[in-house]
C-alpha atoms as a PDB file:
ATOM      1  CA  MET A   1      18.772  -5.118  11.807  1.00  0.00           C
ATOM      2  CA  ASP A   2      18.546  -2.667   8.885  1.00  0.00           C
ATOM      3  CA  HIS A   3      19.724  -3.160   5.457  1.00  0.00           C
ATOM      4  CA  PRO A   4      23.870  -1.862   5.702  1.00  0.00           C
ATOM      5  CA  LEU A   5      23.004   0.471   2.427  1.00  0.00           C
ATOM      6  CA  ARG A   6      19.872   0.949   3.321  1.00  0.00           C
ATOM      7  CA  THR A   7      21.869   2.354   6.452  1.00  0.00           C
ATOM      8  CA  LEU A   8      24.176   4.306   4.479  1.00  0.00           C
ATOM      9  CA  LEU A   9      21.617   5.890   1.334  1.00  0.00           C
ATOM     10  CA  TYR A  10      19.931   7.256   5.015  1.00  0.00           C
ATOM     11  CA  GLU A  11      23.248   9.719   5.687  1.00  0.00           C
ATOM     12  CA  LEU A  12      23.624  10.320   2.717  1.00  0.00           C
ATOM     13  CA  PHE A  13      20.810  11.905   1.221  1.00  0.00           C
ATOM     14  CA  LEU A  14      17.893  11.841   4.360  1.00  0.00           C
ATOM     15  CA  GLU A  15      19.965  13.128   6.868  1.00  0.00           C
ATOM     16  CA  PRO A  16      20.966  15.882   5.338  1.00  0.00           C
ATOM     17  CA  PHE A  17      17.679  17.022   4.214  1.00  0.00           C
ATOM     18  CA  LEU A  18      15.927  16.594   7.026  1.00  0.00           C
ATOM     19  CA  ARG A  19      18.848  19.302   8.991  1.00  0.00           C
ATOM     20  CA  ARG A  20      18.116  21.791   6.587  1.00  0.00           C
ATOM     21  CA  SER A  21      14.565  21.596   6.436  1.00  0.00           C
ATOM     22  CA  LYS A  22      14.120  22.064   9.602  1.00  0.00           C
ATOM     23  CA  ARG A  23      11.265  20.263  10.208  1.00  0.00           C
ATOM     24  CA  PRO A  24       9.589  17.804  12.472  1.00  0.00           C
ATOM     25  CA  LEU A  25       9.640  13.653  11.320  1.00  0.00           C
ATOM     26  CA  SER A  26       6.478  13.323  11.504  1.00  0.00           C
ATOM     27  CA  GLY A  27       4.426  11.999  14.256  1.00  0.00           C
ATOM     28  CA  GLY A  28       7.397  11.370  16.368  1.00  0.00           C
ATOM     29  CA  ARG A  29       9.095   8.632  14.045  1.00  0.00           C
ATOM     30  CA  SER A  30      12.655   7.714  14.349  1.00  0.00           C
ATOM     31  CA  PRO A  31      14.489   8.922  11.194  1.00  0.00           C
ATOM     32  CA  GLN A  32      14.611   4.894   9.993  1.00  0.00           C
ATOM     33  CA  GLN A  33      11.117   4.828  10.701  1.00  0.00           C
ATOM     34  CA  GLU A  34      10.966   7.432   8.505  1.00  0.00           C
ATOM     35  CA  TRP A  35      13.389   6.182   5.787  1.00  0.00           C
ATOM     36  CA  ARG A  36      10.908   3.362   5.753  1.00  0.00           C
ATOM     37  CA  GLN A  37       7.773   4.513   5.451  1.00  0.00           C
ATOM     38  CA  ILE A  38       9.441   6.381   1.810  1.00  0.00           C
ATOM     39  CA  THR A  39      11.067   2.856   0.150  1.00  0.00           C
ATOM     40  CA  MET A  40       8.122   1.183   0.758  1.00  0.00           C
ATOM     41  CA  LYS A  41       5.771   0.141  -2.370  1.00  0.00           C
ATOM     42  CA  ASN A  42       2.330  -0.694  -1.677  1.00  0.00           C
ATOM     43  CA  ILE A  43       0.946  -3.233  -4.112  1.00  0.00           C
ATOM     44  CA  TYR A  44      -3.365  -3.702  -4.722  1.00  0.00           C
ATOM     45  CA  ILE A  45      -4.171  -6.452  -4.653  1.00  0.00           C
ATOM     46  CA  GLY A  46      -8.436  -7.450  -6.367  1.00  0.00           C
ATOM     47  CA  ASN A  47     -10.518 -10.148  -6.762  1.00  0.00           C
ATOM     48  CA  LEU A  48      -9.763 -12.357  -4.294  1.00  0.00           C
ATOM     49  CA  ASP A  49     -10.998 -14.763  -3.580  1.00  0.00           C
ATOM     50  CA  TYR A  50     -12.975 -15.217  -0.363  1.00  0.00           C
ATOM     51  CA  SER A  51     -11.133 -18.137   0.426  1.00  0.00           C
ATOM     52  CA  THR A  52      -7.398 -16.730   0.375  1.00  0.00           C
ATOM     53  CA  THR A  53      -5.346 -16.154   3.371  1.00  0.00           C
ATOM     54  CA  GLU A  54      -3.102 -13.382   4.219  1.00  0.00           C
ATOM     55  CA  ASP A  55       0.101 -16.391   3.956  1.00  0.00           C
ATOM     56  CA  GLN A  56      -0.899 -17.431   0.668  1.00  0.00           C
ATOM     57  CA  LEU A  57      -0.709 -14.587  -0.475  1.00  0.00           C
ATOM     58  CA  ARG A  58       2.652 -13.881   1.352  1.00  0.00           C
ATOM     59  CA  THR A  59       4.356 -17.291  -0.133  1.00  0.00           C
ATOM     60  CA  LEU A  60       3.407 -16.004  -3.730  1.00  0.00           C
ATOM     61  CA  PHE A  61       4.632 -12.607  -2.879  1.00  0.00           C
ATOM     62  CA  LEU A  62       7.798 -13.811  -1.846  1.00  0.00           C
ATOM     63  CA  ALA A  63       9.551 -15.169  -4.602  1.00  0.00           C
ATOM     64  CA  HIS A  64       9.412 -11.640  -6.098  1.00  0.00           C
ATOM     65  CA  GLY A  65      10.862  -9.896  -3.273  1.00  0.00           C
ATOM     66  CA  ALA A  66      11.382  -8.885   0.807  1.00  0.00           C
ATOM     67  CA  VAL A  67       6.950  -8.502   2.002  1.00  0.00           C
ATOM     68  CA  GLU A  68       6.856  -6.382   4.577  1.00  0.00           C
ATOM     69  CA  THR A  69       2.508  -6.194   5.396  1.00  0.00           C
ATOM     70  CA  VAL A  70      -0.279  -7.867   4.318  1.00  0.00           C
ATOM     71  CA  THR A  71      -3.726  -7.138   4.801  1.00  0.00           C
ATOM     72  CA  ILE A  72      -6.219  -8.166   3.257  1.00  0.00           C
ATOM     73  CA  VAL A  73      -9.866  -5.758   4.227  1.00  0.00           C
ATOM     74  CA  ARG A  74     -12.628  -7.876   5.580  1.00  0.00           C
ATOM     75  CA  ASP A  75     -15.892  -6.303   5.589  1.00  0.00           C
ATOM     76  CA  ARG A  76     -16.970  -3.917   9.228  1.00  0.00           C
ATOM     77  CA  ASP A  77     -20.123  -5.706  10.337  1.00  0.00           C
ATOM     78  CA  THR A  78     -19.394  -9.426   9.087  1.00  0.00           C
ATOM     79  CA  GLY A  79     -15.446 -10.494   9.068  1.00  0.00           C
ATOM     80  CA  GLN A  80     -15.780 -12.384   6.261  1.00  0.00           C
ATOM     81  CA  PRO A  81     -12.981 -10.749   2.981  1.00  0.00           C
ATOM     82  CA  ARG A  82     -14.305  -8.082   1.075  1.00  0.00           C
ATOM     83  CA  GLY A  83     -12.223  -9.467  -1.840  1.00  0.00           C
ATOM     84  CA  PHE A  84      -8.870  -7.649  -2.154  1.00  0.00           C
ATOM     85  CA  ALA A  85      -6.023  -6.839   0.036  1.00  0.00           C
ATOM     86  CA  PHE A  86      -3.240  -4.190   0.160  1.00  0.00           C
ATOM     87  CA  LEU A  87       0.863  -5.652   0.360  1.00  0.00           C
ATOM     88  CA  GLU A  88       3.488  -3.607   1.031  1.00  0.00           C
ATOM     89  CA  MET A  89       7.124  -4.301  -0.481  1.00  0.00           C
ATOM     90  CA  THR A  90       9.635  -3.008   1.095  1.00  0.00           C
ATOM     91  CA  ASN A  91      11.971  -3.109  -2.282  1.00  0.00           C
ATOM     92  CA  ASP A  92      10.656   0.095  -4.875  1.00  0.00           C
ATOM     93  CA  ALA A  93      12.440  -2.982  -8.252  1.00  0.00           C
ATOM     94  CA  GLU A  94      11.366  -5.944  -7.105  1.00  0.00           C
ATOM     95  CA  ALA A  95       7.480  -4.557  -6.296  1.00  0.00           C
ATOM     96  CA  GLU A  96       6.789  -2.983  -9.943  1.00  0.00           C
ATOM     97  CA  LYS A  97       8.143  -6.436 -11.384  1.00  0.00           C
ATOM     98  CA  ALA A  98       5.583  -8.943  -9.036  1.00  0.00           C
ATOM     99  CA  ILE A  99       3.207  -6.593  -9.934  1.00  0.00           C
ATOM    100  CA  HIS A 100       3.989  -7.260 -13.446  1.00  0.00           C
ATOM    101  CA  ALA A 101       4.433 -10.924 -12.653  1.00  0.00           C
ATOM    102  CA  LEU A 102       1.196 -11.014 -11.101  1.00  0.00           C
ATOM    103  CA  ASN A 103      -1.167  -9.536 -12.968  1.00  0.00           C
ATOM    104  CA  GLY A 104      -3.303 -11.547 -14.136  1.00  0.00           C
ATOM    105  CA  THR A 105      -2.509 -14.552 -13.006  1.00  0.00           C
ATOM    106  CA  LEU A 106      -5.121 -17.233 -11.571  1.00  0.00           C
ATOM    107  CA  VAL A 107      -4.970 -17.628  -7.158  1.00  0.00           C
ATOM    108  CA  GLY A 108      -7.754 -19.545  -5.602  1.00  0.00           C
ATOM    109  CA  GLY A 109      -9.064 -19.859  -9.402  1.00  0.00           C
ATOM    110  CA  ARG A 110      -9.654 -15.853  -9.968  1.00  0.00           C
ATOM    111  CA  THR A 111      -7.939 -13.983 -12.237  1.00  0.00           C
ATOM    112  CA  VAL A 112      -6.882 -11.167  -9.959  1.00  0.00           C
ATOM    113  CA  ALA A 113      -5.526  -7.460 -10.997  1.00  0.00           C
ATOM    114  CA  VAL A 114      -2.117  -6.148  -9.090  1.00  0.00           C
ATOM    115  CA  ASN A 115      -1.390  -2.923  -9.282  1.00  0.00           C
ATOM    116  CA  GLU A 116       0.721  -0.563  -7.332  1.00  0.00           C
ATOM    117  CA  ALA A 117      -2.309   1.639  -4.488  1.00  0.00           C
ATOM    118  CA  ARG A 118      -3.475   4.670  -5.048  1.00  0.00           C
ATOM    119  CA  SER A 119      -4.109   6.783  -2.650  1.00  0.00           C
ATOM    120  CA  LYS A 120      -7.806   7.356  -0.885  1.00  0.00           C
ATOM    121  CA  PRO A 121      -8.599  10.538  -2.439  1.00  0.00           C
ATOM    122  CA  SER A 122      -9.437  13.159   0.544  1.00  0.00           C
ATOM    123  CA  ARG A 123     -12.808  14.687   0.818  1.00  0.00           C
ATOM    124  CA  SER A 124     -14.452  17.293   2.766  1.00  0.00           C
ATOM    125  CA  ARG A 125     -17.912  17.722   4.063  1.00  0.00           C
ATOM    126  CA  GLY A 126     -20.140  19.088   1.129  1.00  0.00           C
ATOM    127  CA  ASP A 127     -18.027  17.934  -1.420  1.00  0.00           C
ATOM    128  CA  ASP A 128     -21.200  16.195  -3.433  1.00  0.00           C
ATOM    129  CA  LEU A 129     -22.635  19.671  -3.649  1.00  0.00           C
ATOM    130  CA  PRO A 130     -22.727  19.808  -7.151  1.00  0.00           C
ATOM    131  CA  LYS A 131     -24.177  16.309  -8.096  1.00  0.00           C
ATOM    132  CA  ARG A 132     -26.558  17.222  -5.429  1.00  0.00           C
ATOM    133  CA  GLN A 133     -27.416  20.276  -7.021  1.00  0.00           C
ATOM    134  CA  HIS A 134     -30.189  18.310  -8.962  1.00  0.00           C
ATOM    135  CA  ARG A 135     -32.102  16.638  -5.649  1.00  0.00           C
ATOM    136  CA  LEU A 136     -31.373  20.431  -3.988  1.00  0.00           C
ATOM    137  CA  ASN A 137     -33.750  22.197  -6.066  1.00  0.00           C
ATOM    138  CA  ARG A 138     -37.193  19.639  -6.731  1.00  0.00           C
ATOM    139  CA  PHE A 139     -39.602  21.717  -4.977  1.00  0.00           C
END
């Protein structure tokens, strides 16, 4: 069940905007799912010990607020952890508080880096052509 304040904010602000813009919701999601995606804060956690589990990270961040998802990134071939993770928190203020409190702390014997996750830059084919130009003119 959604939080009453979230529902009220959705009804007051997001729903009229979506009606006014006359654009379909992306991916066929419900308005509540669209609202949830807008308010989530994605957090990057780096320099993790390979034995750190998702439950340990969830417990660590739960002290600062509600945690929606925890994903430890693993190697595609071996399945071994790659040493970093992403975590989504439902409240921006709690997420900021967690970032400031946990950045530089020891987790599993290692000092972790905790930052707001940046979106992956989109690259099209041929973006690195200027970088490769010197190789094309060798002969």
